[in-house]
Amino acid sequence: MKKTPISLLLVLWMLAMVPSAFGQFVSDYSEARKARILNNLKFLYPQLQEVGVQINVLESSPISGLDQGQLVVNNQQVQKFLVTKDDTRLYLLAADAVDVSKTQAELATAEQAREAEVAAAARQKQAALAELTAGYPVRGNPEASVLIVEFSDFQCPYCAQVFPTVEQVLAKHPNDVKFVYMHYPLPNHPWARPAAIASICASQQDQEAFWLMHDSFFKNQRTINTTNVLEKSKTFLSSSGIDMDVWSECAENPGSATYRDAAATVEQSMKAAEQFGLTGTPAFFVNGHYFSGAKPLETFDEAIEMSKQ
């Protein structure tokens, strides 16, 4: 039989129930009343006879003159409703009731409490991120009061899109911002993880070598693939002055201790991202306040000014 989705029921915002041959109904919560309501619905909408529909809850509501209940379709979909005591009107609900009784003064107090809660949560995240990023390469002012942490992926196109914006942020706020890049290579980006490991191997010798790779991966993202990512890395590092043999042992030899250390750093960063509830890139924390996606410069400016207060 053809099944009728719950969307059919949603059109019944105000349903006039058909009078019954049994006469006046008594307001109760019996199985007989549930059956009577369903029979009326099925009479008005014959399609409902082709699906499994039942009322699993029927009880008094907080609203004078109305009872409340739940329709269940095919043992899966639940639709809440209100019905008058005499069953002459049934109203299907799109959502649960909300309290809209607060005065302006009460709303202001509640807003202050909510802002304080958000600020406290941000401070906790900032402290956790400051501890997590200790020892990572830094751009900007290492002693700055505003910490910006980006969880990113060298292969992510949106991360490449926001890369110039991050450069603008650092140029505009050279003394106020400390910027740290954290690795979150996504599983659908196959060369992002080896690129992350290669950049960490560079940072073990020189932090500036890390930023050289960071910039080069984003600027040349479209020319990089899984087969050439390490050769491209060598090209990017050719002017860095680091020991390329040491870097190669770390970036290209999965059996080496330095490779395992670099890979563990990536895993630690990814685990931290997931603990913060992240599912995509880029993701930013500005003194613990979360921003998802490639935000414009103005968003960072506002967040930085807010964090400085």
Protein backbone atom coordinates (compact mmCIF):
# COMPACT_ATOMS: atom_id res chain seq x y z
CA MET A 1 0.00 0.00 0.00
CA LYS A 2 1.07 3.58 -0.61
CA LYS A 3 2.24 5.24 2.60
CA THR A 4 1.14 8.75 3.51
CA PRO A 5 3.92 10.81 5.15
CA ILE A 6 3.42 12.89 8.28
CA SER A 7 3.60 16.00 6.06
CA LEU A 8 0.00 15.22 5.06
CA LEU A 9 -1.03 15.69 8.67
CA LEU A 10 0.79 18.99 8.98
CA VAL A 11 -1.76 20.67 6.69
CA LEU A 12 -4.43 20.05 9.34
CA TRP A 13 -3.61 23.11 11.41
CA MET A 14 -7.24 23.62 12.38
CA LEU A 15 -9.34 20.53 11.87
CA ALA A 16 -13.11 20.70 12.40
CA MET A 17 -14.11 17.30 13.69
CA VAL A 18 -17.13 15.61 12.07
CA PRO A 19 -20.09 15.23 14.48
CA SER A 20 -20.62 11.65 15.53
CA ALA A 21 -23.80 9.65 15.48
CA PHE A 22 -23.13 8.81 19.12
CA GLY A 23 -24.11 12.30 20.31
CA GLN A 24 -22.22 14.59 22.68
CA PHE A 25 -18.77 13.42 23.77
CA VAL A 26 -17.66 13.45 27.39
CA SER A 27 -14.19 14.88 27.98
CA ASP A 28 -12.07 11.89 29.01
CA TYR A 29 -8.82 10.12 28.10
CA SER A 30 -10.20 6.68 27.36
CA GLU A 31 -9.32 4.38 24.51
CA ALA A 32 -12.84 4.92 23.22
CA ARG A 33 -12.23 8.65 22.82
CA LYS A 34 -8.90 8.04 21.09
CA ALA A 35 -10.61 5.68 18.66
CA ARG A 36 -13.37 8.18 17.98
CA ILE A 37 -10.87 10.94 17.12
CA LEU A 38 -8.96 8.60 14.79
CA ASN A 39 -12.17 7.47 13.10
CA ASN A 40 -13.07 11.07 12.37
CA LEU A 41 -9.61 11.76 10.95
CA LYS A 42 -9.78 8.70 8.73
CA PHE A 43 -13.27 9.64 7.53
CA LEU A 44 -12.13 13.12 6.52
CA TYR A 45 -8.83 11.90 5.08
CA PRO A 46 -9.24 8.38 3.65
CA GLN A 47 -5.49 8.23 2.87
CA LEU A 48 -4.88 7.78 6.59
CA GLN A 49 -6.52 4.36 6.39
CA GLU A 50 -3.50 3.19 4.37
CA VAL A 51 -0.97 3.91 7.11
CA GLY A 52 -0.62 2.92 10.72
CA VAL A 53 -1.92 5.82 12.82
CA GLN A 54 -2.55 5.73 16.54
CA ILE A 55 -2.86 8.09 19.49
CA ASN A 56 -0.40 7.00 22.13
CA VAL A 57 -0.92 9.96 24.49
CA LEU A 58 -4.10 11.83 25.40
CA GLU A 59 -4.11 13.89 28.58
CA SER A 60 -4.97 17.23 30.11
CA SER A 61 -2.98 20.23 28.89
CA PRO A 62 -1.93 23.41 30.74
CA ILE A 63 -4.35 25.36 28.52
CA SER A 64 -7.89 25.75 29.79
CA GLY A 65 -10.43 23.94 27.63
CA LEU A 66 -7.85 21.92 25.69
CA ASP A 67 -6.37 18.45 26.04
CA GLN A 68 -3.06 17.39 24.51
CA GLY A 69 -1.90 14.26 22.75
CA GLN A 70 0.41 12.61 20.26
CA LEU A 71 -0.34 10.98 16.92
CA VAL A 72 2.10 8.26 15.89
CA VAL A 73 2.40 7.32 12.20
CA ASN A 74 3.90 3.96 11.20
CA ASN A 75 5.35 3.55 14.72
CA GLN A 76 7.98 6.18 13.91
CA GLN A 77 6.79 9.71 13.28
CA VAL A 78 5.27 11.62 16.19
CA GLN A 79 2.93 14.60 15.79
CA LYS A 80 1.77 16.51 18.88
CA PHE A 81 -1.69 18.07 18.95
CA LEU A 82 -4.20 19.99 21.05
CA VAL A 83 -7.89 19.12 21.02
CA THR A 84 -10.88 20.85 22.57
CA LYS A 85 -12.65 19.08 25.42
CA ASP A 86 -15.68 18.48 23.21
CA ASP A 87 -13.51 17.29 20.27
CA THR A 88 -14.86 19.94 17.89
CA ARG A 89 -11.41 21.36 17.08
CA LEU A 90 -8.02 19.64 16.79
CA TYR A 91 -4.82 21.66 16.33
CA LEU A 92 -1.56 20.07 15.19
CA LEU A 93 1.58 21.60 16.71
CA ALA A 94 4.77 22.41 14.80
CA ALA A 95 6.82 22.68 18.01
CA ASP A 96 6.58 22.61 21.78
CA ALA A 97 5.19 25.62 23.59
CA VAL A 98 7.64 28.32 24.68
CA ASP A 99 7.44 30.77 27.57
CA VAL A 100 6.96 34.34 26.29
CA SER A 101 5.87 35.85 29.60
CA LYS A 102 9.09 37.63 30.66
CA THR A 103 9.08 41.39 31.07
CA GLN A 104 11.72 43.58 29.44
CA ALA A 105 13.57 43.81 32.75
CA GLU A 106 13.50 40.03 33.18
CA LEU A 107 14.75 39.57 29.62
CA ALA A 108 17.64 41.97 30.28
CA THR A 109 18.60 40.02 33.40
CA ALA A 110 18.39 36.72 31.53
CA GLU A 111 20.51 38.13 28.69
CA GLN A 112 23.18 39.24 31.16
CA ALA A 113 23.22 35.76 32.67
CA ARG A 114 23.51 34.18 29.23
CA GLU A 115 26.37 36.49 28.25
CA ALA A 116 28.18 35.67 31.49
CA GLU A 117 27.75 31.96 30.79
CA VAL A 118 29.10 32.33 27.24
CA ALA A 119 32.06 34.39 28.49
CA ALA A 120 32.90 31.79 31.15
CA ALA A 121 32.79 28.98 28.58
CA ALA A 122 35.05 30.99 26.25
CA ARG A 123 37.58 31.55 29.04
CA GLN A 124 37.68 27.81 29.71
CA LYS A 125 38.25 27.08 26.02
CA GLN A 126 40.93 29.78 25.80
CA ALA A 127 42.82 28.29 28.74
CA ALA A 128 42.59 24.80 27.22
CA LEU A 129 43.75 26.06 23.81
CA ALA A 130 46.64 28.03 25.32
CA GLU A 131 47.85 24.85 27.03
CA LEU A 132 47.26 22.74 23.92
CA THR A 133 49.16 25.07 21.57
CA ALA A 134 52.18 25.61 23.81
CA GLY A 135 55.28 24.97 21.70
CA TYR A 136 53.49 25.33 18.36
CA PRO A 137 54.78 27.81 15.77
CA VAL A 138 53.40 31.30 16.36
CA ARG A 139 52.69 34.27 14.13
CA GLY A 140 52.03 37.74 15.44
CA ASN A 141 52.94 38.82 18.96
CA PRO A 142 53.77 35.81 21.19
CA GLU A 143 52.81 37.91 24.23
CA ALA A 144 49.54 39.23 22.77
CA SER A 145 46.37 39.15 24.85
CA VAL A 146 44.28 37.77 21.97
CA LEU A 147 44.92 34.16 20.96
CA ILE A 148 43.56 33.06 17.57
CA VAL A 149 43.69 29.32 16.95
CA GLU A 150 42.77 27.95 13.54
CA PHE A 151 41.96 24.27 13.02
CA SER A 152 42.63 23.76 9.34
CA ASP A 153 43.46 21.45 6.46
CA PHE A 154 46.07 22.25 3.79
CA GLN A 155 43.89 20.66 1.08
CA CYS A 156 40.65 22.37 2.12
CA PRO A 157 39.56 24.99 -0.48
CA TYR A 158 37.72 27.08 2.14
CA CYS A 159 40.89 27.15 4.24
CA ALA A 160 42.81 28.45 1.23
CA GLN A 161 40.06 31.01 0.73
CA VAL A 162 40.44 32.40 4.27
CA PHE A 163 44.27 32.30 4.19
CA PRO A 164 44.60 35.87 2.78
CA THR A 165 42.11 37.08 5.41
CA VAL A 166 44.27 35.67 8.20
CA GLU A 167 47.24 37.52 6.68
CA GLN A 168 45.17 40.72 6.75
CA VAL A 169 44.24 40.13 10.39
CA LEU A 170 47.90 39.75 11.38
CA ALA A 171 48.92 42.82 9.37
CA LYS A 172 46.13 44.92 10.89
CA HIS A 173 46.66 43.75 14.48
CA PRO A 174 50.43 43.10 14.73
CA ASN A 175 50.66 43.70 18.49
CA ASP A 176 47.28 42.40 19.62
CA VAL A 177 47.15 38.92 18.12
CA LYS A 178 48.97 35.64 18.63
CA PHE A 179 48.06 33.20 15.84
CA VAL A 180 48.51 29.42 15.99
CA TYR A 181 47.69 26.89 13.27
CA MET A 182 46.37 23.47 14.34
CA HIS A 183 46.11 20.46 12.03
CA TYR A 184 42.74 18.92 11.22
CA PRO A 185 43.23 17.01 7.93
CA LEU A 186 39.85 15.69 6.83
CA PRO A 187 39.47 12.08 5.62
CA ASN A 188 38.28 13.15 2.15
CA HIS A 189 41.50 15.15 1.58
CA PRO A 190 44.16 12.46 0.96
CA TRP A 191 47.27 14.65 0.75
CA ALA A 192 46.38 16.88 3.72
CA ARG A 193 47.76 14.48 6.35
CA PRO A 194 51.19 13.92 4.70
CA ALA A 195 51.39 17.68 4.19
CA ALA A 196 50.65 18.24 7.88
CA ILE A 197 53.36 15.76 8.89
CA ALA A 198 55.83 17.35 6.46
CA SER A 199 55.17 20.80 7.92
CA ILE A 200 55.65 19.54 11.47
CA CYS A 201 58.95 17.96 10.44
CA ALA A 202 60.04 21.35 9.13
CA SER A 203 58.99 23.09 12.36
CA GLN A 204 61.19 20.74 14.38
CA GLN A 205 64.17 22.51 12.86
CA ASP A 206 62.86 26.03 12.30
CA GLN A 207 59.47 27.63 12.97
CA GLU A 208 59.87 29.89 9.96
CA ALA A 209 60.27 26.77 7.80
CA PHE A 210 56.84 25.67 9.06
CA TRP A 211 55.25 28.97 8.04
CA LEU A 212 57.00 28.77 4.67
CA MET A 213 55.31 25.42 4.07
CA HIS A 214 52.01 26.66 5.48
CA ASP A 215 51.93 29.57 3.03
CA SER A 216 53.17 27.51 0.10
CA PHE A 217 50.58 24.75 0.54
CA PHE A 218 47.73 27.26 0.43
CA LYS A 219 49.17 29.37 -2.40
CA ASN A 220 49.88 26.29 -4.55
CA GLN A 221 46.98 24.11 -3.41
CA ARG A 222 45.63 23.43 -6.91
CA THR A 223 48.94 22.05 -8.17
CA ILE A 224 49.42 19.57 -5.31
CA ASN A 225 48.22 15.97 -5.24
CA THR A 226 48.89 12.74 -3.36
CA THR A 227 51.77 11.74 -5.65
CA ASN A 228 53.71 15.02 -5.61
CA VAL A 229 53.01 16.47 -2.16
CA LEU A 230 56.42 15.50 -0.72
CA GLU A 231 58.34 16.59 -3.82
CA LYS A 232 56.49 19.89 -3.71
CA SER A 233 57.42 20.16 -0.04
CA LYS A 234 61.09 19.78 -0.88
CA THR A 235 60.78 22.55 -3.45
CA PHE A 236 59.09 24.83 -0.93
CA LEU A 237 61.85 24.15 1.62
CA SER A 238 64.76 24.54 -0.79
CA SER A 239 65.44 28.10 0.40
CA SER A 240 64.73 27.49 4.09
CA GLY A 241 68.25 26.47 5.10
CA ILE A 242 67.12 23.46 7.13
CA ASP A 243 68.86 20.07 6.95
CA MET A 244 66.88 18.32 4.21
CA ASP A 245 68.22 14.88 5.09
CA VAL A 246 66.89 15.24 8.63
CA TRP A 247 63.59 16.56 7.28
CA SER A 248 63.34 13.67 4.78
CA GLU A 249 63.91 11.06 7.50
CA CYS A 250 61.03 12.63 9.42
CA ALA A 251 58.62 13.29 6.54
CA GLU A 252 59.27 10.32 4.26
CA ASN A 253 60.22 7.41 6.50
CA PRO A 254 57.18 6.07 8.40
CA GLY A 255 59.49 3.78 10.37
CA SER A 256 61.51 6.62 11.90
CA ALA A 257 60.96 7.91 15.42
CA THR A 258 60.70 11.49 14.15
CA TYR A 259 57.95 10.51 11.69
CA ARG A 260 56.01 8.79 14.47
CA ASP A 261 56.36 11.88 16.66
CA ALA A 262 55.11 14.13 13.87
CA ALA A 263 52.19 11.81 13.12
CA ALA A 264 51.32 11.73 16.84
CA THR A 265 51.23 15.54 16.87
CA VAL A 266 48.73 15.49 14.00
CA GLU A 267 46.61 12.91 15.81
CA GLN A 268 46.69 14.96 19.00
CA SER A 269 45.55 18.04 17.11
CA MET A 270 42.73 16.12 15.40
CA LYS A 271 41.58 14.65 18.70
CA ALA A 272 41.48 18.13 20.22
CA ALA A 273 39.38 19.38 17.29
CA GLU A 274 36.87 16.60 17.83
CA GLN A 275 36.77 17.26 21.58
CA PHE A 276 35.82 20.84 20.76
CA GLY A 277 32.99 19.50 18.61
CA LEU A 278 34.48 20.44 15.25
CA THR A 279 33.40 18.56 12.13
CA GLY A 280 34.83 20.73 9.34
CA THR A 281 37.42 23.30 8.39
CA PRO A 282 38.34 26.06 8.73
CA ALA A 283 37.36 26.62 12.36
CA PHE A 284 38.63 29.50 14.49
CA PHE A 285 38.74 30.29 18.19
CA VAL A 286 39.33 33.94 19.10
CA ASN A 287 40.09 33.93 22.83
CA GLY A 288 37.84 30.88 23.09
CA HIS A 289 34.96 32.27 21.01
CA TYR A 290 34.16 29.90 18.14
CA PHE A 291 33.77 30.92 14.48
CA SER A 292 33.09 28.39 11.73
CA GLY A 293 34.05 28.80 8.09
CA ALA A 294 35.86 31.40 5.99
CA LYS A 295 34.82 34.55 7.85
CA PRO A 296 35.52 38.06 6.50
CA LEU A 297 38.03 40.46 8.03
CA GLU A 298 35.27 42.41 9.79
CA THR A 299 34.27 39.35 11.82
CA PHE A 300 37.82 38.96 13.12
CA ASP A 301 38.10 42.69 13.81
CA GLU A 302 34.95 42.63 15.96
CA ALA A 303 36.04 39.50 17.83
CA ILE A 304 39.49 40.93 18.52
CA GLU A 305 38.10 44.23 19.83
CA MET A 306 35.62 42.36 22.00
CA SER A 307 38.40 40.14 23.40
CA LYS A 308 40.54 43.17 24.27
CA GLN A 309 37.83 44.69 26.49
